[in-house]
Amino acid sequence: MMDSKEFVSKNELCVVACIESFSSRKGEKLLDLWLKMEGWFTEIKVPVLLLSRDGDRVCSQIEILYASKLFFKHEVNDIFFKEYQVLKKKLIFGKEKTIVYPYVFLFQDGKIYTTAKRMSEKSIAEIY
């Protein structure tokens, strides 16, 4: 699978959603939400890339399990996350941890057309 930059540059119009992990409770909810909305984007032929910190193996298993038209990708070294500033530092149980905020980007011709800084049914509908 191509990397996230290549995905964005090869598609005239595409959506990229950033998710910390598909295996967390929040990640599972976000994955369910995208699977629910998948038909909308398939219908208008806009590819959706779900980027995660999960390894390639986890992403491949999810792709196979759900037989989805969505693309799942492990973001190596947080390159995309850093460039589009979705990494945030948080104190969790007294320790500083860097997490991925669930942002959604709509790219047109390789440039951000719009951004949703919360991932919800409403924000995805607005992107659509």
C-alpha atoms as a PDB file:
ATOM      1  CA  MET A   1       0.000   0.000   0.000  1.00  0.00           C
ATOM      2  CA  MET A   2       1.172   3.494  -0.774  1.00  0.00           C
ATOM      3  CA  ASP A   3       2.055   5.919   1.994  1.00  0.00           C
ATOM      4  CA  SER A   4      -0.313   8.693   3.091  1.00  0.00           C
ATOM      5  CA  LYS A   5       1.416  11.425   1.045  1.00  0.00           C
ATOM      6  CA  GLU A   6       1.227   9.318  -2.094  1.00  0.00           C
ATOM      7  CA  PHE A   7      -2.448   8.508  -1.392  1.00  0.00           C
ATOM      8  CA  VAL A   8      -3.283  12.228  -1.133  1.00  0.00           C
ATOM      9  CA  SER A   9      -1.303  13.173  -4.255  1.00  0.00           C
ATOM     10  CA  LYS A  10      -2.739  10.356  -6.426  1.00  0.00           C
ATOM     11  CA  ASN A  11      -6.375  11.217  -5.713  1.00  0.00           C
ATOM     12  CA  GLU A  12      -8.009  14.388  -7.001  1.00  0.00           C
ATOM     13  CA  LEU A  13     -10.380  14.323  -4.030  1.00  0.00           C
ATOM     14  CA  CYS A  14      -9.889  12.165  -0.930  1.00  0.00           C
ATOM     15  CA  VAL A  15     -10.553  11.987   2.801  1.00  0.00           C
ATOM     16  CA  VAL A  16      -7.931  11.189   5.442  1.00  0.00           C
ATOM     17  CA  ALA A  17      -9.045  10.415   9.005  1.00  0.00           C
ATOM     18  CA  CYS A  18      -6.544  10.196  11.876  1.00  0.00           C
ATOM     19  CA  ILE A  19      -7.212   7.659  14.636  1.00  0.00           C
ATOM     20  CA  GLU A  20      -4.893   6.847  17.567  1.00  0.00           C
ATOM     21  CA  SER A  21      -5.640   3.113  17.593  1.00  0.00           C
ATOM     22  CA  PHE A  22      -8.362   0.864  16.221  1.00  0.00           C
ATOM     23  CA  SER A  23      -8.061  -1.410  19.266  1.00  0.00           C
ATOM     24  CA  SER A  24      -8.977   1.233  21.867  1.00  0.00           C
ATOM     25  CA  ARG A  25     -12.610   1.758  22.890  1.00  0.00           C
ATOM     26  CA  LYS A  26     -12.629   5.185  21.226  1.00  0.00           C
ATOM     27  CA  GLY A  27     -10.920   3.796  18.122  1.00  0.00           C
ATOM     28  CA  GLU A  28     -13.520   1.040  17.810  1.00  0.00           C
ATOM     29  CA  LYS A  29     -16.322   3.625  17.983  1.00  0.00           C
ATOM     30  CA  LEU A  30     -14.658   5.744  15.309  1.00  0.00           C
ATOM     31  CA  LEU A  31     -14.089   2.691  13.108  1.00  0.00           C
ATOM     32  CA  ASP A  32     -17.771   1.728  13.480  1.00  0.00           C
ATOM     33  CA  LEU A  33     -18.741   5.271  12.531  1.00  0.00           C
ATOM     34  CA  TRP A  34     -16.631   5.165   9.352  1.00  0.00           C
ATOM     35  CA  LEU A  35     -17.945   1.730   8.421  1.00  0.00           C
ATOM     36  CA  LYS A  36     -21.477   3.102   8.825  1.00  0.00           C
ATOM     37  CA  MET A  37     -20.686   6.089   6.556  1.00  0.00           C
ATOM     38  CA  GLU A  38     -18.577   4.126   4.071  1.00  0.00           C
ATOM     39  CA  GLY A  39     -21.393   3.819   1.508  1.00  0.00           C
ATOM     40  CA  TRP A  40     -21.699   7.579   1.175  1.00  0.00           C
ATOM     41  CA  PHE A  41     -18.110   7.994   0.049  1.00  0.00           C
ATOM     42  CA  THR A  42     -18.125   4.845  -2.093  1.00  0.00           C
ATOM     43  CA  GLU A  43     -21.201   6.146  -3.903  1.00  0.00           C
ATOM     44  CA  ILE A  44     -19.485   9.404  -4.903  1.00  0.00           C
ATOM     45  CA  LYS A  45     -16.153   7.624  -5.532  1.00  0.00           C
ATOM     46  CA  VAL A  46     -14.139   9.508  -2.913  1.00  0.00           C
ATOM     47  CA  PRO A  47     -11.502   7.248  -1.311  1.00  0.00           C
ATOM     48  CA  VAL A  48     -11.144   7.319   2.479  1.00  0.00           C
ATOM     49  CA  LEU A  49      -7.843   6.571   4.231  1.00  0.00           C
ATOM     50  CA  LEU A  50      -7.937   5.789   7.954  1.00  0.00           C
ATOM     51  CA  LEU A  51      -4.497   6.480   9.428  1.00  0.00           C
ATOM     52  CA  SER A  52      -3.525   4.898  12.719  1.00  0.00           C
ATOM     53  CA  ARG A  53      -0.542   4.210  14.922  1.00  0.00           C
ATOM     54  CA  ASP A  54      -1.493   0.520  14.858  1.00  0.00           C
ATOM     55  CA  GLY A  55       0.973  -1.670  13.001  1.00  0.00           C
ATOM     56  CA  ASP A  56       0.521  -2.857   9.409  1.00  0.00           C
ATOM     57  CA  ARG A  57      -0.569  -6.276  10.667  1.00  0.00           C
ATOM     58  CA  VAL A  58      -3.477  -4.816  12.664  1.00  0.00           C
ATOM     59  CA  CYS A  59      -4.520  -2.620   9.732  1.00  0.00           C
ATOM     60  CA  SER A  60      -4.433  -5.597   7.347  1.00  0.00           C
ATOM     61  CA  GLN A  61      -6.499  -7.723   9.743  1.00  0.00           C
ATOM     62  CA  ILE A  62      -9.135  -4.985  10.013  1.00  0.00           C
ATOM     63  CA  GLU A  63      -9.265  -4.612   6.214  1.00  0.00           C
ATOM     64  CA  ILE A  64      -9.809  -8.366   5.840  1.00  0.00           C
ATOM     65  CA  LEU A  65     -12.265  -8.660   8.735  1.00  0.00           C
ATOM     66  CA  TYR A  66     -14.586  -5.903   7.525  1.00  0.00           C
ATOM     67  CA  ALA A  67     -14.100  -6.410   3.749  1.00  0.00           C
ATOM     68  CA  SER A  68     -14.335  -2.662   3.508  1.00  0.00           C
ATOM     69  CA  LYS A  69     -13.716  -0.229   0.666  1.00  0.00           C
ATOM     70  CA  LEU A  70     -11.984   2.039   3.187  1.00  0.00           C
ATOM     71  CA  PHE A  71      -8.178   2.066   3.199  1.00  0.00           C
ATOM     72  CA  PHE A  72      -6.362   1.356   6.469  1.00  0.00           C
ATOM     73  CA  LYS A  73      -2.765   2.432   6.964  1.00  0.00           C
ATOM     74  CA  HIS A  74      -0.201   2.411   9.737  1.00  0.00           C
ATOM     75  CA  GLU A  75       1.421   5.844   9.849  1.00  0.00           C
ATOM     76  CA  VAL A  76       5.136   5.134  10.193  1.00  0.00           C
ATOM     77  CA  ASN A  77       7.041   7.570  12.444  1.00  0.00           C
ATOM     78  CA  ASP A  78       3.974   9.850  12.735  1.00  0.00           C
ATOM     79  CA  ILE A  79       5.095  11.802   9.636  1.00  0.00           C
ATOM     80  CA  PHE A  80       1.591  12.748   8.449  1.00  0.00           C
ATOM     81  CA  PHE A  81       0.434  13.373  12.024  1.00  0.00           C
ATOM     82  CA  LYS A  82       3.310  15.792  12.643  1.00  0.00           C
ATOM     83  CA  GLU A  83       2.924  17.626   9.354  1.00  0.00           C
ATOM     84  CA  TYR A  84      -0.806  18.226   9.849  1.00  0.00           C
ATOM     85  CA  GLN A  85      -0.457  18.889  13.589  1.00  0.00           C
ATOM     86  CA  VAL A  86      -2.772  16.230  14.961  1.00  0.00           C
ATOM     87  CA  LEU A  87      -0.360  15.155  17.710  1.00  0.00           C
ATOM     88  CA  LYS A  88      -1.130  16.594  21.138  1.00  0.00           C
ATOM     89  CA  LYS A  89       0.618  16.148  24.460  1.00  0.00           C
ATOM     90  CA  LYS A  90      -1.566  15.125  27.397  1.00  0.00           C
ATOM     91  CA  LEU A  91      -0.937  14.249  31.010  1.00  0.00           C
ATOM     92  CA  ILE A  92      -2.309  10.781  31.648  1.00  0.00           C
ATOM     93  CA  PHE A  93      -1.966   9.487  35.217  1.00  0.00           C
ATOM     94  CA  GLY A  94       0.844  11.977  35.819  1.00  0.00           C
ATOM     95  CA  LYS A  95       2.841  10.985  32.720  1.00  0.00           C
ATOM     96  CA  GLU A  96       3.093  13.040  29.569  1.00  0.00           C
ATOM     97  CA  LYS A  97       1.915  11.132  26.522  1.00  0.00           C
ATOM     98  CA  THR A  98       1.606  12.167  22.881  1.00  0.00           C
ATOM     99  CA  ILE A  99      -1.721  11.187  21.364  1.00  0.00           C
ATOM    100  CA  VAL A 100      -3.339  11.497  17.942  1.00  0.00           C
ATOM    101  CA  TYR A 101      -6.402  13.736  17.908  1.00  0.00           C
ATOM    102  CA  PRO A 102      -9.198  12.388  15.674  1.00  0.00           C
ATOM    103  CA  TYR A 103      -9.086  14.930  12.832  1.00  0.00           C
ATOM    104  CA  VAL A 104     -10.608  14.454   9.390  1.00  0.00           C
ATOM    105  CA  PHE A 105      -9.133  16.142   6.336  1.00  0.00           C
ATOM    106  CA  LEU A 106     -10.706  16.559   2.906  1.00  0.00           C
ATOM    107  CA  PHE A 107      -7.989  16.989   0.295  1.00  0.00           C
ATOM    108  CA  GLN A 108      -8.545  18.387  -3.166  1.00  0.00           C
ATOM    109  CA  ASP A 109      -5.654  18.243  -5.634  1.00  0.00           C
ATOM    110  CA  GLY A 110      -3.193  17.456  -2.818  1.00  0.00           C
ATOM    111  CA  LYS A 111      -4.168  20.446  -0.654  1.00  0.00           C
ATOM    112  CA  ILE A 112      -6.430  20.611   2.380  1.00  0.00           C
ATOM    113  CA  TYR A 113      -9.865  21.783   1.322  1.00  0.00           C
ATOM    114  CA  THR A 114     -11.469  21.490   4.756  1.00  0.00           C
ATOM    115  CA  THR A 115     -10.749  20.017   8.191  1.00  0.00           C
ATOM    116  CA  ALA A 116     -12.974  18.631  10.929  1.00  0.00           C
ATOM    117  CA  LYS A 117     -11.281  18.758  14.331  1.00  0.00           C
ATOM    118  CA  ARG A 118     -13.796  16.366  15.845  1.00  0.00           C
ATOM    119  CA  MET A 119     -14.843  13.056  14.412  1.00  0.00           C
ATOM    120  CA  SER A 120     -18.585  12.595  14.673  1.00  0.00           C
ATOM    121  CA  GLU A 121     -21.465  11.673  12.405  1.00  0.00           C
ATOM    122  CA  LYS A 122     -22.190  15.393  11.958  1.00  0.00           C
ATOM    123  CA  SER A 123     -18.600  16.358  11.078  1.00  0.00           C
ATOM    124  CA  ILE A 124     -18.278  13.462   8.605  1.00  0.00           C
ATOM    125  CA  ALA A 125     -21.601  14.473   7.027  1.00  0.00           C
ATOM    126  CA  GLU A 126     -20.244  18.025   6.646  1.00  0.00           C
ATOM    127  CA  ILE A 127     -17.131  16.665   4.914  1.00  0.00           C
ATOM    128  CA  TYR A 128     -19.394  14.602   2.635  1.00  0.00           C
END
